[in-house]
Amino acid sequence: MSNKENDKSREDEIAEEAEETAANVEPIVVVEAKKEEDFKAKYFYIAAEMDNYRKRMEREKENLVKYGNERVLSDLLQVVDNFERTIEMLKPDQDAKVKNIVVGLDMVKKQFIDSLSKHGLTPVDTIGKDFDPNFHEAMAQEYAEGKRPNEIIKEFQKGYTLNGRLIRAAKVVVANDKQ
């Protein structure tokens, strides 16, 4: 073999090695770029998840503050009901001492209801309003002259909402147009 042929074959070998190296390097660069994109995508996914988690925790904390005392207030509604029943039973009595007691009980009841309303408790409107199954529980229907169908004509038990959320439906009697 001549020197030129030897050089030529050596150049061919080097060129082939360079091509192989380039072929091997290019996929590594592509793979590294793909890994970097995957890491960025995972990073953005995790960042979005953390943001959603933070927002969800804030909402839950807000609801806990807003509705956390719902059980206590629901239990206290029984006390309000008993005040109202006692006052209604004693009102017809004509004795002066009993009338003074009724006035005192009424004042305490109003103060108690005012205290509860400071914590977001509000009564549900009933008499004269249209029946709404979201806030009222119909106990009966009665014919009432001059009343619209589904108008509430009597209230058995007051309903209450806590910051807009129903905690006890009002038990009512609804008018119908049939005798």
C-alpha atoms as a PDB file:
ATOM      1  CA  MET A   1       0.000   0.000   0.000  1.00  0.00           C
ATOM      2  CA  SER A   2       1.172   3.380  -0.832  1.00  0.00           C
ATOM      3  CA  ASN A   3       1.469   6.203   1.575  1.00  0.00           C
ATOM      4  CA  LYS A   4      -1.332   8.076  -0.149  1.00  0.00           C
ATOM      5  CA  GLU A   5      -3.649   5.120   0.100  1.00  0.00           C
ATOM      6  CA  ASN A   6      -2.694   4.683   3.728  1.00  0.00           C
ATOM      7  CA  ASP A   7      -3.418   8.342   4.413  1.00  0.00           C
ATOM      8  CA  LYS A   8      -6.688   8.064   2.487  1.00  0.00           C
ATOM      9  CA  SER A   9      -7.878   5.056   4.447  1.00  0.00           C
ATOM     10  CA  ARG A  10      -6.779   6.699   7.693  1.00  0.00           C
ATOM     11  CA  GLU A  11      -8.762   9.836   6.727  1.00  0.00           C
ATOM     12  CA  ASP A  12     -11.751   7.652   5.935  1.00  0.00           C
ATOM     13  CA  GLU A  13     -11.477   5.993   9.338  1.00  0.00           C
ATOM     14  CA  ILE A  14     -11.258   9.378  11.075  1.00  0.00           C
ATOM     15  CA  ALA A  15     -14.236  10.675   9.080  1.00  0.00           C
ATOM     16  CA  GLU A  16     -16.250   7.594   9.983  1.00  0.00           C
ATOM     17  CA  GLU A  17     -15.325   8.000  13.665  1.00  0.00           C
ATOM     18  CA  ALA A  18     -16.293  11.685  13.519  1.00  0.00           C
ATOM     19  CA  GLU A  19     -19.633  10.790  11.948  1.00  0.00           C
ATOM     20  CA  GLU A  20     -20.279   8.155  14.610  1.00  0.00           C
ATOM     21  CA  THR A  21     -19.341  10.596  17.374  1.00  0.00           C
ATOM     22  CA  ALA A  22     -21.588  13.278  15.874  1.00  0.00           C
ATOM     23  CA  ALA A  23     -24.414  10.764  15.568  1.00  0.00           C
ATOM     24  CA  ASN A  24     -23.960   9.788  19.210  1.00  0.00           C
ATOM     25  CA  VAL A  25     -23.635  13.382  20.484  1.00  0.00           C
ATOM     26  CA  GLU A  26     -26.727  14.694  18.701  1.00  0.00           C
ATOM     27  CA  PRO A  27     -29.159  12.279  20.383  1.00  0.00           C
ATOM     28  CA  ILE A  28     -27.591  13.032  23.778  1.00  0.00           C
ATOM     29  CA  VAL A  29     -28.206  16.752  23.253  1.00  0.00           C
ATOM     30  CA  VAL A  30     -31.788  16.038  22.152  1.00  0.00           C
ATOM     31  CA  VAL A  31     -32.328  13.743  25.147  1.00  0.00           C
ATOM     32  CA  GLU A  32     -30.908  16.371  27.526  1.00  0.00           C
ATOM     33  CA  ALA A  33     -33.183  19.047  26.007  1.00  0.00           C
ATOM     34  CA  LYS A  34     -36.167  16.689  26.351  1.00  0.00           C
ATOM     35  CA  LYS A  35     -35.293  16.026  30.014  1.00  0.00           C
ATOM     36  CA  GLU A  36     -35.046  19.764  30.659  1.00  0.00           C
ATOM     37  CA  GLU A  37     -38.475  20.306  29.082  1.00  0.00           C
ATOM     38  CA  ASP A  38     -39.914  17.507  31.233  1.00  0.00           C
ATOM     39  CA  PHE A  39     -38.413  19.062  34.366  1.00  0.00           C
ATOM     40  CA  LYS A  40     -39.849  22.467  33.439  1.00  0.00           C
ATOM     41  CA  ALA A  41     -43.268  20.939  32.784  1.00  0.00           C
ATOM     42  CA  LYS A  42     -43.152  19.107  36.134  1.00  0.00           C
ATOM     43  CA  TYR A  43     -42.020  22.288  37.866  1.00  0.00           C
ATOM     44  CA  PHE A  44     -44.913  24.307  36.417  1.00  0.00           C
ATOM     45  CA  TYR A  45     -47.353  21.488  37.276  1.00  0.00           C
ATOM     46  CA  ILE A  46     -46.140  21.362  40.875  1.00  0.00           C
ATOM     47  CA  ALA A  47     -46.207  25.167  41.132  1.00  0.00           C
ATOM     48  CA  ALA A  48     -49.824  25.198  39.880  1.00  0.00           C
ATOM     49  CA  GLU A  49     -50.748  22.413  42.319  1.00  0.00           C
ATOM     50  CA  MET A  50     -49.214  24.355  45.211  1.00  0.00           C
ATOM     51  CA  ASP A  51     -51.124  27.475  44.193  1.00  0.00           C
ATOM     52  CA  ASN A  52     -54.388  25.507  44.027  1.00  0.00           C
ATOM     53  CA  TYR A  53     -53.627  23.926  47.405  1.00  0.00           C
ATOM     54  CA  ARG A  54     -52.971  27.350  48.948  1.00  0.00           C
ATOM     55  CA  LYS A  55     -56.252  28.720  47.544  1.00  0.00           C
ATOM     56  CA  ARG A  56     -58.192  25.661  48.757  1.00  0.00           C
ATOM     57  CA  MET A  57     -56.713  26.005  52.255  1.00  0.00           C
ATOM     58  CA  GLU A  58     -57.644  29.714  52.331  1.00  0.00           C
ATOM     59  CA  ARG A  59     -61.219  28.851  51.296  1.00  0.00           C
ATOM     60  CA  GLU A  60     -61.475  26.153  53.949  1.00  0.00           C
ATOM     61  CA  LYS A  61     -60.085  28.476  56.604  1.00  0.00           C
ATOM     62  CA  GLU A  62     -62.552  31.185  55.583  1.00  0.00           C
ATOM     63  CA  ASN A  63     -65.458  28.707  55.733  1.00  0.00           C
ATOM     64  CA  LEU A  64     -64.283  27.456  59.108  1.00  0.00           C
ATOM     65  CA  VAL A  65     -64.330  30.989  60.480  1.00  0.00           C
ATOM     66  CA  LYS A  66     -67.641  31.756  58.777  1.00  0.00           C
ATOM     67  CA  TYR A  67     -69.514  28.548  59.657  1.00  0.00           C
ATOM     68  CA  GLY A  68     -67.450  27.082  62.511  1.00  0.00           C
ATOM     69  CA  ASN A  69     -69.954  28.052  65.183  1.00  0.00           C
ATOM     70  CA  GLU A  70     -72.909  26.535  63.297  1.00  0.00           C
ATOM     71  CA  ARG A  71     -73.440  23.686  65.777  1.00  0.00           C
ATOM     72  CA  VAL A  72     -73.397  25.949  68.800  1.00  0.00           C
ATOM     73  CA  LEU A  73     -75.801  28.407  67.197  1.00  0.00           C
ATOM     74  CA  SER A  74     -78.098  25.562  66.111  1.00  0.00           C
ATOM     75  CA  ASP A  75     -78.268  24.353  69.702  1.00  0.00           C
ATOM     76  CA  LEU A  76     -78.982  27.879  70.943  1.00  0.00           C
ATOM     77  CA  LEU A  77     -81.977  28.096  68.604  1.00  0.00           C
ATOM     78  CA  GLN A  78     -83.767  25.702  70.936  1.00  0.00           C
ATOM     79  CA  VAL A  79     -83.315  28.258  73.729  1.00  0.00           C
ATOM     80  CA  VAL A  80     -84.780  30.996  71.502  1.00  0.00           C
ATOM     81  CA  ASP A  81     -87.735  28.719  70.693  1.00  0.00           C
ATOM     82  CA  ASN A  82     -88.370  28.115  74.386  1.00  0.00           C
ATOM     83  CA  PHE A  83     -88.280  31.854  75.095  1.00  0.00           C
ATOM     84  CA  GLU A  84     -90.847  32.439  72.348  1.00  0.00           C
ATOM     85  CA  ARG A  85     -93.123  29.631  73.567  1.00  0.00           C
ATOM     86  CA  THR A  86     -92.964  30.896  77.148  1.00  0.00           C
ATOM     87  CA  ILE A  87     -93.777  34.447  76.096  1.00  0.00           C
ATOM     88  CA  GLU A  88     -96.694  33.274  73.922  1.00  0.00           C
ATOM     89  CA  MET A  89     -98.113  31.204  76.767  1.00  0.00           C
ATOM     90  CA  LEU A  90     -97.874  34.029  79.323  1.00  0.00           C
ATOM     91  CA  LYS A  91     -99.123  36.903  77.116  1.00  0.00           C
ATOM     92  CA  PRO A  92    -102.859  36.228  77.612  1.00  0.00           C
ATOM     93  CA  ASP A  93    -102.519  36.380  81.425  1.00  0.00           C
ATOM     94  CA  GLN A  94    -103.975  39.634  82.840  1.00  0.00           C
ATOM     95  CA  ASP A  95    -102.029  39.682  86.118  1.00  0.00           C
ATOM     96  CA  ALA A  96     -99.759  42.736  86.351  1.00  0.00           C
ATOM     97  CA  LYS A  97     -96.829  40.727  87.745  1.00  0.00           C
ATOM     98  CA  VAL A  98     -97.071  38.206  84.913  1.00  0.00           C
ATOM     99  CA  LYS A  99     -97.206  41.039  82.354  1.00  0.00           C
ATOM    100  CA  ASN A 100     -93.977  42.443  83.824  1.00  0.00           C
ATOM    101  CA  ILE A 101     -92.386  39.022  83.601  1.00  0.00           C
ATOM    102  CA  VAL A 102     -93.456  38.775  79.942  1.00  0.00           C
ATOM    103  CA  VAL A 103     -91.899  42.183  79.220  1.00  0.00           C
ATOM    104  CA  GLY A 104     -88.650  41.085  80.908  1.00  0.00           C
ATOM    105  CA  LEU A 105     -88.564  37.767  79.065  1.00  0.00           C
ATOM    106  CA  ASP A 106     -89.218  39.549  75.777  1.00  0.00           C
ATOM    107  CA  MET A 107     -86.317  41.928  76.443  1.00  0.00           C
ATOM    108  CA  VAL A 108     -83.975  39.027  77.232  1.00  0.00           C
ATOM    109  CA  LYS A 109     -85.124  37.189  74.090  1.00  0.00           C
ATOM    110  CA  LYS A 110     -84.468  40.258  71.912  1.00  0.00           C
ATOM    111  CA  GLN A 111     -81.036  40.731  73.465  1.00  0.00           C
ATOM    112  CA  PHE A 112     -80.244  37.057  72.892  1.00  0.00           C
ATOM    113  CA  ILE A 113     -81.351  37.221  69.246  1.00  0.00           C
ATOM    114  CA  ASP A 114     -79.328  40.424  68.730  1.00  0.00           C
ATOM    115  CA  SER A 115     -76.252  38.660  70.117  1.00  0.00           C
ATOM    116  CA  LEU A 116     -76.791  35.739  67.755  1.00  0.00           C
ATOM    117  CA  SER A 117     -77.295  38.062  64.788  1.00  0.00           C
ATOM    118  CA  LYS A 118     -73.891  39.642  65.471  1.00  0.00           C
ATOM    119  CA  HIS A 119     -72.448  36.230  64.645  1.00  0.00           C
ATOM    120  CA  GLY A 120     -74.276  36.016  61.306  1.00  0.00           C
ATOM    121  CA  LEU A 121     -77.531  34.345  62.346  1.00  0.00           C
ATOM    122  CA  THR A 122     -80.626  35.754  60.634  1.00  0.00           C
ATOM    123  CA  PRO A 123     -84.244  34.549  60.645  1.00  0.00           C
ATOM    124  CA  VAL A 124     -85.857  33.329  57.428  1.00  0.00           C
ATOM    125  CA  ASP A 125     -88.745  35.496  56.174  1.00  0.00           C
ATOM    126  CA  THR A 126     -92.000  33.561  56.090  1.00  0.00           C
ATOM    127  CA  ILE A 127     -95.463  35.093  56.569  1.00  0.00           C
ATOM    128  CA  GLY A 128     -96.739  36.606  53.324  1.00  0.00           C
ATOM    129  CA  LYS A 129     -93.799  35.261  51.295  1.00  0.00           C
ATOM    130  CA  ASP A 130     -93.989  32.628  48.585  1.00  0.00           C
ATOM    131  CA  PHE A 131     -93.030  29.116  49.618  1.00  0.00           C
ATOM    132  CA  ASP A 132     -89.393  28.336  48.791  1.00  0.00           C
ATOM    133  CA  PRO A 133     -88.320  24.726  49.438  1.00  0.00           C
ATOM    134  CA  ASN A 134     -84.747  25.943  49.912  1.00  0.00           C
ATOM    135  CA  PHE A 135     -85.761  27.835  53.074  1.00  0.00           C
ATOM    136  CA  HIS A 136     -89.184  26.510  54.100  1.00  0.00           C
ATOM    137  CA  GLU A 137     -90.590  23.153  55.097  1.00  0.00           C
ATOM    138  CA  ALA A 138     -94.326  22.856  54.374  1.00  0.00           C
ATOM    139  CA  MET A 139     -96.134  21.161  57.247  1.00  0.00           C
ATOM    140  CA  ALA A 140     -99.631  21.582  55.792  1.00  0.00           C
ATOM    141  CA  GLN A 141    -101.748  23.325  53.180  1.00  0.00           C
ATOM    142  CA  GLU A 142    -104.896  25.281  54.003  1.00  0.00           C
ATOM    143  CA  TYR A 143    -107.447  27.186  52.024  1.00  0.00           C
ATOM    144  CA  ALA A 144    -107.094  30.886  52.738  1.00  0.00           C
ATOM    145  CA  GLU A 145    -109.378  33.396  51.109  1.00  0.00           C
ATOM    146  CA  GLY A 146    -107.578  36.264  49.408  1.00  0.00           C
ATOM    147  CA  LYS A 147    -104.191  34.531  49.506  1.00  0.00           C
ATOM    148  CA  ARG A 148    -102.098  33.422  46.546  1.00  0.00           C
ATOM    149  CA  PRO A 149    -101.418  29.716  46.064  1.00  0.00           C
ATOM    150  CA  ASN A 150     -98.148  28.757  47.786  1.00  0.00           C
ATOM    151  CA  GLU A 151     -98.168  31.867  49.967  1.00  0.00           C
ATOM    152  CA  ILE A 152     -97.095  31.190  53.537  1.00  0.00           C
ATOM    153  CA  ILE A 153     -99.942  31.918  55.944  1.00  0.00           C
ATOM    154  CA  LYS A 154     -98.680  30.440  59.256  1.00  0.00           C
ATOM    155  CA  GLU A 155     -95.363  29.663  60.843  1.00  0.00           C
ATOM    156  CA  PHE A 156     -94.899  26.745  63.268  1.00  0.00           C
ATOM    157  CA  GLN A 157     -91.178  27.189  63.788  1.00  0.00           C
ATOM    158  CA  LYS A 158     -88.785  29.925  62.667  1.00  0.00           C
ATOM    159  CA  GLY A 159     -86.036  29.110  60.247  1.00  0.00           C
ATOM    160  CA  TYR A 160     -82.545  30.594  60.397  1.00  0.00           C
ATOM    161  CA  THR A 161     -79.578  31.144  58.123  1.00  0.00           C
ATOM    162  CA  LEU A 162     -75.962  31.547  59.154  1.00  0.00           C
ATOM    163  CA  ASN A 163     -74.087  33.895  56.816  1.00  0.00           C
ATOM    164  CA  GLY A 164     -76.457  32.955  54.004  1.00  0.00           C
ATOM    165  CA  ARG A 165     -76.364  29.199  54.632  1.00  0.00           C
ATOM    166  CA  LEU A 166     -79.566  27.579  55.895  1.00  0.00           C
ATOM    167  CA  ILE A 167     -79.098  25.941  59.280  1.00  0.00           C
ATOM    168  CA  ARG A 168     -82.775  25.316  60.033  1.00  0.00           C
ATOM    169  CA  ALA A 169     -85.718  25.463  57.637  1.00  0.00           C
ATOM    170  CA  ALA A 170     -88.839  27.323  58.716  1.00  0.00           C
ATOM    171  CA  LYS A 171     -91.814  25.015  59.308  1.00  0.00           C
ATOM    172  CA  VAL A 172     -94.823  26.657  57.701  1.00  0.00           C
ATOM    173  CA  VAL A 173     -98.406  26.298  56.485  1.00  0.00           C
ATOM    174  CA  VAL A 174     -98.950  27.141  52.832  1.00  0.00           C
ATOM    175  CA  ALA A 175    -102.132  28.523  51.241  1.00  0.00           C
ATOM    176  CA  ASN A 176    -103.838  26.678  48.437  1.00  0.00           C
ATOM    177  CA  ASP A 177    -106.713  27.738  46.228  1.00  0.00           C
ATOM    178  CA  LYS A 178    -108.971  24.713  46.842  1.00  0.00           C
ATOM    179  CA  GLN A 179    -111.469  24.432  49.701  1.00  0.00           C
END
